[in-house]
Amino acid sequence: MDTKRKDLVVRGRWRPVGPRTLGAVCAVAAAGALLAGCGSGGKSVSGAPDSPEVASPAAATSPGGSPNASPGRNLTKDQSERKELFAKTKADYEHALNAAAGAVPHSKPVSTELKGGDGGNPVWETVMATSDGTAHALRVDAVTGKAGKPVTEQQKAEDRKALATRLRDATVTAPMAAKTAMAKKSGKVAAVELENADHGKPVWKVDVVSTSDWKKTTFDVDAKDNKILKEHTDQD
């Protein structure tokens, strides 16, 4: 290399293209002359397998700077808990409702939700109600599918009457509402609950957890015509 060309390299004004010459430039940069050209810019160097800058922490983030949400990585606390619960669950929500119905004769489901029980074992926290609106709470083991002993809830007369009306008006069953929700979002049902919507009509709130990212989507399903009224995906 002649003196004039060497001076251009040192000043950083001449940047050759190609693997061989690029490696030469980065070698000069390591001496401190071209840190801006071959420094820690967060990009891998193509064609320079011996370069220490082949990988950088920035490669683990999205263009916007947020961590990639690939399955099994960078899960939030809630997402991790859902994944762990479903990994242990053997009896699904339908099994839980059937077991609860056997424990509370002549009853209909009001709600069931998958939660962590004693020792971290999953259980379905379930509420059943008879035709007069009397509610009974019980747990169904999500591993064995066995229902525990039901406990009659303390209710005000007006609450019991309102629940009886809600059960009577709901012509759509809990499994029907859950299937409608899962037709929109594939995954696993984590909760089903019969509530009154703002317009006074009964709705089933169905939580569906996606097994790809373990996010939860809540659907409001009309308990009379089985149509989805709204949905919301929890980012936690």
C-alpha atoms as a PDB file:
ATOM      1  CA  MET A   1       0.000   0.000   0.000  1.00  0.00           C
ATOM      2  CA  ASP A   2       1.521   3.373  -0.994  1.00  0.00           C
ATOM      3  CA  THR A   3       1.842   6.208   1.540  1.00  0.00           C
ATOM      4  CA  LYS A   4      -1.059   8.245   0.104  1.00  0.00           C
ATOM      5  CA  ARG A   5      -3.474   5.315   0.158  1.00  0.00           C
ATOM      6  CA  LYS A   6      -2.370   4.318   3.675  1.00  0.00           C
ATOM      7  CA  ASP A   7      -3.060   7.843   4.903  1.00  0.00           C
ATOM      8  CA  LEU A   8      -6.612   7.652   3.504  1.00  0.00           C
ATOM      9  CA  VAL A   9      -7.233   4.420   5.404  1.00  0.00           C
ATOM     10  CA  VAL A  10      -6.017   5.878   8.678  1.00  0.00           C
ATOM     11  CA  ARG A  11      -8.220   8.946   8.296  1.00  0.00           C
ATOM     12  CA  GLY A  12     -11.232   6.729   7.584  1.00  0.00           C
ATOM     13  CA  ARG A  13     -12.129   8.304   4.191  1.00  0.00           C
ATOM     14  CA  TRP A  14     -11.546   5.155   2.166  1.00  0.00           C
ATOM     15  CA  ARG A  15     -13.767   2.178   3.013  1.00  0.00           C
ATOM     16  CA  PRO A  16     -13.262  -0.738   0.618  1.00  0.00           C
ATOM     17  CA  VAL A  17     -16.117  -3.178  -0.009  1.00  0.00           C
ATOM     18  CA  GLY A  18     -15.781  -6.940   0.290  1.00  0.00           C
ATOM     19  CA  PRO A  19     -15.025  -9.510   2.980  1.00  0.00           C
ATOM     20  CA  ARG A  20     -11.271  -9.383   2.654  1.00  0.00           C
ATOM     21  CA  THR A  21     -10.885  -5.607   2.609  1.00  0.00           C
ATOM     22  CA  LEU A  22     -13.627  -5.143   5.241  1.00  0.00           C
ATOM     23  CA  GLY A  23     -11.686  -7.365   7.600  1.00  0.00           C
ATOM     24  CA  ALA A  24      -8.620  -5.213   6.991  1.00  0.00           C
ATOM     25  CA  VAL A  25     -10.516  -2.032   7.836  1.00  0.00           C
ATOM     26  CA  CYS A  26     -11.863  -3.532  11.052  1.00  0.00           C
ATOM     27  CA  ALA A  27      -8.336  -4.585  11.982  1.00  0.00           C
ATOM     28  CA  VAL A  28      -7.280  -0.953  11.731  1.00  0.00           C
ATOM     29  CA  ALA A  29     -10.384   0.032  13.686  1.00  0.00           C
ATOM     30  CA  ALA A  30      -9.354  -2.256  16.527  1.00  0.00           C
ATOM     31  CA  ALA A  31      -6.253  -0.093  16.850  1.00  0.00           C
ATOM     32  CA  GLY A  32      -8.533   2.893  17.486  1.00  0.00           C
ATOM     33  CA  ALA A  33      -8.628   4.677  14.117  1.00  0.00           C
ATOM     34  CA  LEU A  34     -11.997   3.555  12.777  1.00  0.00           C
ATOM     35  CA  LEU A  35     -14.163   2.894  15.876  1.00  0.00           C
ATOM     36  CA  ALA A  36     -17.116   4.647  14.241  1.00  0.00           C
ATOM     37  CA  GLY A  37     -16.871   2.436  11.161  1.00  0.00           C
ATOM     38  CA  CYS A  38     -16.435  -0.982  12.810  1.00  0.00           C
ATOM     39  CA  GLY A  39     -17.299  -0.352  16.469  1.00  0.00           C
ATOM     40  CA  SER A  40     -20.196  -1.650  18.605  1.00  0.00           C
ATOM     41  CA  GLY A  41     -23.020  -0.482  16.347  1.00  0.00           C
ATOM     42  CA  GLY A  42     -25.116  -3.561  17.235  1.00  0.00           C
ATOM     43  CA  LYS A  43     -24.837  -5.176  13.736  1.00  0.00           C
ATOM     44  CA  SER A  44     -23.076  -8.393  12.846  1.00  0.00           C
ATOM     45  CA  VAL A  45     -20.284  -8.169  10.322  1.00  0.00           C
ATOM     46  CA  SER A  46     -21.046 -10.160   7.188  1.00  0.00           C
ATOM     47  CA  GLY A  47     -18.093 -12.070   5.784  1.00  0.00           C
ATOM     48  CA  ALA A  48     -15.880 -11.595   8.868  1.00  0.00           C
ATOM     49  CA  PRO A  49     -16.254 -14.795  10.919  1.00  0.00           C
ATOM     50  CA  ASP A  50     -13.281 -13.902  13.122  1.00  0.00           C
ATOM     51  CA  SER A  51     -14.736 -10.548  14.181  1.00  0.00           C
ATOM     52  CA  PRO A  52     -15.771 -10.258  17.854  1.00  0.00           C
ATOM     53  CA  GLU A  53     -18.742  -8.134  16.754  1.00  0.00           C
ATOM     54  CA  VAL A  54     -20.559 -10.945  14.919  1.00  0.00           C
ATOM     55  CA  ALA A  55     -23.373 -10.934  17.519  1.00  0.00           C
ATOM     56  CA  SER A  56     -24.645  -8.250  19.849  1.00  0.00           C
ATOM     57  CA  PRO A  57     -27.366  -7.888  22.515  1.00  0.00           C
ATOM     58  CA  ALA A  58     -29.407  -5.801  20.077  1.00  0.00           C
ATOM     59  CA  ALA A  59     -30.093  -8.935  18.029  1.00  0.00           C
ATOM     60  CA  ALA A  60     -32.409 -10.158  20.812  1.00  0.00           C
ATOM     61  CA  THR A  61     -34.692  -7.167  20.523  1.00  0.00           C
ATOM     62  CA  SER A  62     -37.255  -6.047  18.006  1.00  0.00           C
ATOM     63  CA  PRO A  63     -36.682  -2.953  15.802  1.00  0.00           C
ATOM     64  CA  GLY A  64     -38.589  -0.905  18.340  1.00  0.00           C
ATOM     65  CA  GLY A  65     -36.261  -1.979  21.122  1.00  0.00           C
ATOM     66  CA  SER A  66     -38.709  -4.309  22.923  1.00  0.00           C
ATOM     67  CA  PRO A  67     -37.885  -7.970  23.629  1.00  0.00           C
ATOM     68  CA  ASN A  68     -39.064 -10.512  21.094  1.00  0.00           C
ATOM     69  CA  ALA A  69     -42.145 -12.386  22.370  1.00  0.00           C
ATOM     70  CA  SER A  70     -41.276 -15.744  20.865  1.00  0.00           C
ATOM     71  CA  PRO A  71     -43.050 -18.741  22.407  1.00  0.00           C
ATOM     72  CA  GLY A  72     -41.434 -19.881  25.645  1.00  0.00           C
ATOM     73  CA  ARG A  73     -39.268 -16.769  25.931  1.00  0.00           C
ATOM     74  CA  ASN A  74     -39.718 -13.460  27.703  1.00  0.00           C
ATOM     75  CA  LEU A  75     -43.058 -14.480  29.223  1.00  0.00           C
ATOM     76  CA  THR A  76     -44.596 -12.205  31.824  1.00  0.00           C
ATOM     77  CA  LYS A  77     -45.314 -13.522  35.301  1.00  0.00           C
ATOM     78  CA  ASP A  78     -48.997 -14.085  34.480  1.00  0.00           C
ATOM     79  CA  GLN A  79     -48.181 -15.833  31.203  1.00  0.00           C
ATOM     80  CA  SER A  80     -45.686 -18.113  32.937  1.00  0.00           C
ATOM     81  CA  GLU A  81     -48.237 -18.980  35.634  1.00  0.00           C
ATOM     82  CA  ARG A  82     -50.852 -19.860  33.013  1.00  0.00           C
ATOM     83  CA  LYS A  83     -48.388 -22.069  31.188  1.00  0.00           C
ATOM     84  CA  GLU A  84     -47.445 -23.893  34.384  1.00  0.00           C
ATOM     85  CA  LEU A  85     -51.076 -24.386  35.460  1.00  0.00           C
ATOM     86  CA  PHE A  86     -52.168 -25.840  32.139  1.00  0.00           C
ATOM     87  CA  ALA A  87     -49.101 -28.083  32.030  1.00  0.00           C
ATOM     88  CA  LYS A  88     -50.421 -29.762  35.202  1.00  0.00           C
ATOM     89  CA  THR A  89     -54.117 -29.708  34.285  1.00  0.00           C
ATOM     90  CA  LYS A  90     -55.668 -33.023  33.258  1.00  0.00           C
ATOM     91  CA  ALA A  91     -59.379 -32.215  33.730  1.00  0.00           C
ATOM     92  CA  ASP A  92     -60.660 -29.354  31.577  1.00  0.00           C
ATOM     93  CA  TYR A  93     -63.451 -26.889  32.373  1.00  0.00           C
ATOM     94  CA  GLU A  94     -66.196 -29.171  31.005  1.00  0.00           C
ATOM     95  CA  HIS A  95     -65.058 -32.023  33.217  1.00  0.00           C
ATOM     96  CA  ALA A  96     -65.038 -29.604  36.157  1.00  0.00           C
ATOM     97  CA  LEU A  97     -68.599 -28.444  35.470  1.00  0.00           C
ATOM     98  CA  ASN A  98     -69.856 -32.010  35.138  1.00  0.00           C
ATOM     99  CA  ALA A  99     -68.175 -33.012  38.388  1.00  0.00           C
ATOM    100  CA  ALA A 100     -69.623 -29.964  40.144  1.00  0.00           C
ATOM    101  CA  ALA A 101     -73.110 -30.716  38.819  1.00  0.00           C
ATOM    102  CA  GLY A 102     -72.835 -34.181  40.312  1.00  0.00           C
ATOM    103  CA  ALA A 103     -71.864 -32.694  43.674  1.00  0.00           C
ATOM    104  CA  VAL A 104     -74.743 -30.173  43.654  1.00  0.00           C
ATOM    105  CA  PRO A 105     -77.924 -31.906  42.403  1.00  0.00           C
ATOM    106  CA  HIS A 106     -80.415 -29.981  40.261  1.00  0.00           C
ATOM    107  CA  SER A 107     -77.982 -27.129  39.700  1.00  0.00           C
ATOM    108  CA  LYS A 108     -76.602 -25.121  36.806  1.00  0.00           C
ATOM    109  CA  PRO A 109     -73.104 -23.636  36.437  1.00  0.00           C
ATOM    110  CA  VAL A 110     -72.561 -20.002  37.315  1.00  0.00           C
ATOM    111  CA  SER A 111     -68.789 -19.911  36.992  1.00  0.00           C
ATOM    112  CA  THR A 112     -65.581 -21.904  36.971  1.00  0.00           C
ATOM    113  CA  GLU A 113     -62.003 -20.636  36.881  1.00  0.00           C
ATOM    114  CA  LEU A 114     -58.643 -22.378  36.801  1.00  0.00           C
ATOM    115  CA  LYS A 115     -56.422 -21.327  39.696  1.00  0.00           C
ATOM    116  CA  GLY A 116     -53.452 -22.543  41.666  1.00  0.00           C
ATOM    117  CA  GLY A 117     -54.502 -24.504  44.716  1.00  0.00           C
ATOM    118  CA  ASP A 118     -52.586 -25.896  47.653  1.00  0.00           C
ATOM    119  CA  GLY A 119     -49.006 -26.718  46.748  1.00  0.00           C
ATOM    120  CA  GLY A 120     -49.426 -25.077  43.364  1.00  0.00           C
ATOM    121  CA  ASN A 121     -51.718 -27.819  42.069  1.00  0.00           C
ATOM    122  CA  PRO A 122     -54.409 -26.499  39.715  1.00  0.00           C
ATOM    123  CA  VAL A 123     -58.045 -26.418  40.795  1.00  0.00           C
ATOM    124  CA  TRP A 124     -61.265 -25.222  39.217  1.00  0.00           C
ATOM    125  CA  GLU A 125     -62.919 -22.700  41.555  1.00  0.00           C
ATOM    126  CA  THR A 126     -66.569 -23.364  40.708  1.00  0.00           C
ATOM    127  CA  VAL A 127     -69.968 -21.955  41.616  1.00  0.00           C
ATOM    128  CA  MET A 128     -73.203 -23.824  40.935  1.00  0.00           C
ATOM    129  CA  ALA A 129     -76.739 -22.594  41.631  1.00  0.00           C
ATOM    130  CA  THR A 130     -80.135 -24.197  41.975  1.00  0.00           C
ATOM    131  CA  SER A 131     -83.232 -22.835  40.244  1.00  0.00           C
ATOM    132  CA  ASP A 132     -84.085 -20.523  43.166  1.00  0.00           C
ATOM    133  CA  GLY A 133     -80.683 -18.807  42.823  1.00  0.00           C
ATOM    134  CA  THR A 134     -78.995 -20.405  45.808  1.00  0.00           C
ATOM    135  CA  ALA A 135     -75.290 -20.549  45.055  1.00  0.00           C
ATOM    136  CA  HIS A 136     -72.887 -23.296  46.122  1.00  0.00           C
ATOM    137  CA  ALA A 137     -69.105 -22.902  45.899  1.00  0.00           C
ATOM    138  CA  LEU A 138     -66.743 -25.835  45.532  1.00  0.00           C
ATOM    139  CA  ARG A 139     -63.368 -26.814  44.178  1.00  0.00           C
ATOM    140  CA  VAL A 140     -62.736 -29.399  41.504  1.00  0.00           C
ATOM    141  CA  ASP A 141     -59.254 -30.902  41.370  1.00  0.00           C
ATOM    142  CA  ALA A 142     -57.894 -30.133  37.892  1.00  0.00           C
ATOM    143  CA  VAL A 143     -55.632 -33.200  37.998  1.00  0.00           C
ATOM    144  CA  THR A 144     -57.945 -35.922  39.311  1.00  0.00           C
ATOM    145  CA  GLY A 145     -61.218 -34.283  38.255  1.00  0.00           C
ATOM    146  CA  LYS A 146     -62.788 -34.940  41.654  1.00  0.00           C
ATOM    147  CA  ALA A 147     -65.165 -32.394  43.179  1.00  0.00           C
ATOM    148  CA  GLY A 148     -64.791 -31.255  46.760  1.00  0.00           C
ATOM    149  CA  LYS A 149     -67.557 -30.635  49.247  1.00  0.00           C
ATOM    150  CA  PRO A 150     -69.853 -27.742  48.212  1.00  0.00           C
ATOM    151  CA  VAL A 151     -70.410 -24.821  50.550  1.00  0.00           C
ATOM    152  CA  THR A 152     -73.636 -22.806  50.400  1.00  0.00           C
ATOM    153  CA  GLU A 153     -72.867 -19.124  49.938  1.00  0.00           C
ATOM    154  CA  GLN A 154     -74.362 -16.377  52.057  1.00  0.00           C
ATOM    155  CA  GLN A 155     -76.589 -14.287  49.788  1.00  0.00           C
ATOM    156  CA  LYS A 156     -79.002 -11.426  50.102  1.00  0.00           C
ATOM    157  CA  ALA A 157     -82.548 -12.183  48.982  1.00  0.00           C
ATOM    158  CA  GLU A 158     -82.293  -9.769  46.052  1.00  0.00           C
ATOM    159  CA  ASP A 159     -79.001 -11.298  44.904  1.00  0.00           C
ATOM    160  CA  ARG A 160     -80.443 -14.794  45.016  1.00  0.00           C
ATOM    161  CA  LYS A 161     -83.474 -13.637  43.024  1.00  0.00           C
ATOM    162  CA  ALA A 162     -81.293 -11.876  40.425  1.00  0.00           C
ATOM    163  CA  LEU A 163     -79.167 -15.001  39.984  1.00  0.00           C
ATOM    164  CA  ALA A 164     -82.266 -17.152  39.514  1.00  0.00           C
ATOM    165  CA  THR A 165     -83.475 -14.759  36.793  1.00  0.00           C
ATOM    166  CA  ARG A 166     -80.077 -14.799  35.095  1.00  0.00           C
ATOM    167  CA  LEU A 167     -80.005 -18.587  35.033  1.00  0.00           C
ATOM    168  CA  ARG A 168     -83.518 -18.736  33.638  1.00  0.00           C
ATOM    169  CA  ASP A 169     -82.816 -16.197  30.886  1.00  0.00           C
ATOM    170  CA  ALA A 170     -79.579 -17.810  29.780  1.00  0.00           C
ATOM    171  CA  THR A 171     -80.634 -20.181  27.011  1.00  0.00           C
ATOM    172  CA  VAL A 172     -77.007 -20.649  25.917  1.00  0.00           C
ATOM    173  CA  THR A 173     -75.025 -23.079  28.067  1.00  0.00           C
ATOM    174  CA  ALA A 174     -71.500 -22.538  29.316  1.00  0.00           C
ATOM    175  CA  PRO A 175     -69.960 -25.099  26.897  1.00  0.00           C
ATOM    176  CA  MET A 176     -71.828 -23.525  23.970  1.00  0.00           C
ATOM    177  CA  ALA A 177     -70.455 -20.082  24.847  1.00  0.00           C
ATOM    178  CA  ALA A 178     -66.943 -21.499  25.292  1.00  0.00           C
ATOM    179  CA  LYS A 179     -67.030 -23.158  21.875  1.00  0.00           C
ATOM    180  CA  THR A 180     -68.149 -19.881  20.299  1.00  0.00           C
ATOM    181  CA  ALA A 181     -65.195 -18.089  21.904  1.00  0.00           C
ATOM    182  CA  MET A 182     -62.714 -20.771  20.849  1.00  0.00           C
ATOM    183  CA  ALA A 183     -63.973 -20.582  17.284  1.00  0.00           C
ATOM    184  CA  LYS A 184     -62.632 -17.027  17.325  1.00  0.00           C
ATOM    185  CA  LYS A 185     -59.470 -17.734  19.314  1.00  0.00           C
ATOM    186  CA  SER A 186     -57.870 -21.152  19.542  1.00  0.00           C
ATOM    187  CA  GLY A 187     -56.477 -22.160  22.899  1.00  0.00           C
ATOM    188  CA  LYS A 188     -57.637 -23.445  26.268  1.00  0.00           C
ATOM    189  CA  VAL A 189     -60.584 -22.238  28.352  1.00  0.00           C
ATOM    190  CA  ALA A 190     -59.378 -20.813  31.651  1.00  0.00           C
ATOM    191  CA  ALA A 191     -62.679 -19.419  32.966  1.00  0.00           C
ATOM    192  CA  VAL A 192     -66.392 -19.184  32.250  1.00  0.00           C
ATOM    193  CA  GLU A 193     -68.775 -16.959  34.203  1.00  0.00           C
ATOM    194  CA  LEU A 194     -72.406 -15.929  33.805  1.00  0.00           C
ATOM    195  CA  GLU A 195     -72.885 -12.189  34.372  1.00  0.00           C
ATOM    196  CA  ASN A 196     -75.293  -9.401  33.543  1.00  0.00           C
ATOM    197  CA  ALA A 197     -74.136  -7.053  30.807  1.00  0.00           C
ATOM    198  CA  ASP A 198     -74.693  -3.304  30.857  1.00  0.00           C
ATOM    199  CA  HIS A 199     -77.934  -3.746  28.924  1.00  0.00           C
ATOM    200  CA  GLY A 200     -79.270  -6.103  31.598  1.00  0.00           C
ATOM    201  CA  LYS A 201     -79.064  -9.248  29.499  1.00  0.00           C
ATOM    202  CA  PRO A 202     -77.055 -12.248  30.674  1.00  0.00           C
ATOM    203  CA  VAL A 203     -73.643 -12.804  29.101  1.00  0.00           C
ATOM    204  CA  TRP A 204     -71.035 -15.486  29.425  1.00  0.00           C
ATOM    205  CA  LYS A 205     -67.537 -14.170  30.036  1.00  0.00           C
ATOM    206  CA  VAL A 206     -65.120 -16.707  28.597  1.00  0.00           C
ATOM    207  CA  ASP A 207     -61.351 -16.550  29.114  1.00  0.00           C
ATOM    208  CA  VAL A 208     -59.352 -18.301  26.399  1.00  0.00           C
ATOM    209  CA  VAL A 209     -55.595 -18.707  26.840  1.00  0.00           C
ATOM    210  CA  SER A 210     -53.495 -19.060  23.697  1.00  0.00           C
ATOM    211  CA  THR A 211     -50.920 -21.830  23.937  1.00  0.00           C
ATOM    212  CA  SER A 212     -48.588 -20.005  21.539  1.00  0.00           C
ATOM    213  CA  ASP A 213     -47.914 -16.977  23.760  1.00  0.00           C
ATOM    214  CA  TRP A 214     -50.030 -17.738  26.872  1.00  0.00           C
ATOM    215  CA  LYS A 215     -51.941 -14.475  26.616  1.00  0.00           C
ATOM    216  CA  LYS A 216     -55.542 -14.395  27.824  1.00  0.00           C
ATOM    217  CA  THR A 217     -58.443 -13.147  25.717  1.00  0.00           C
ATOM    218  CA  THR A 218     -61.805 -12.476  27.375  1.00  0.00           C
ATOM    219  CA  PHE A 219     -64.938 -12.796  25.286  1.00  0.00           C
ATOM    220  CA  ASP A 220     -68.413 -11.522  26.162  1.00  0.00           C
ATOM    221  CA  VAL A 221     -70.839 -14.005  24.619  1.00  0.00           C
ATOM    222  CA  ASP A 222     -74.557 -13.213  24.597  1.00  0.00           C
ATOM    223  CA  ALA A 223     -76.241 -15.893  26.705  1.00  0.00           C
ATOM    224  CA  LYS A 224     -79.359 -15.749  24.537  1.00  0.00           C
ATOM    225  CA  ASP A 225     -78.150 -15.748  20.933  1.00  0.00           C
ATOM    226  CA  ASN A 226     -74.568 -17.028  21.401  1.00  0.00           C
ATOM    227  CA  LYS A 227     -73.006 -14.059  19.589  1.00  0.00           C
ATOM    228  CA  ILE A 228     -69.751 -12.427  20.627  1.00  0.00           C
ATOM    229  CA  LEU A 229     -70.413  -8.932  21.927  1.00  0.00           C
ATOM    230  CA  LYS A 230     -66.815  -7.911  22.590  1.00  0.00           C
ATOM    231  CA  GLU A 231     -63.360  -9.253  23.251  1.00  0.00           C
ATOM    232  CA  HIS A 232     -60.214  -8.070  24.993  1.00  0.00           C
ATOM    233  CA  THR A 233     -56.698  -9.533  25.035  1.00  0.00           C
ATOM    234  CA  ASP A 234     -54.704  -9.094  28.228  1.00  0.00           C
ATOM    235  CA  GLN A 235     -51.056  -8.255  27.482  1.00  0.00           C
ATOM    236  CA  ASP A 236     -49.887  -9.423  30.926  1.00  0.00           C
END
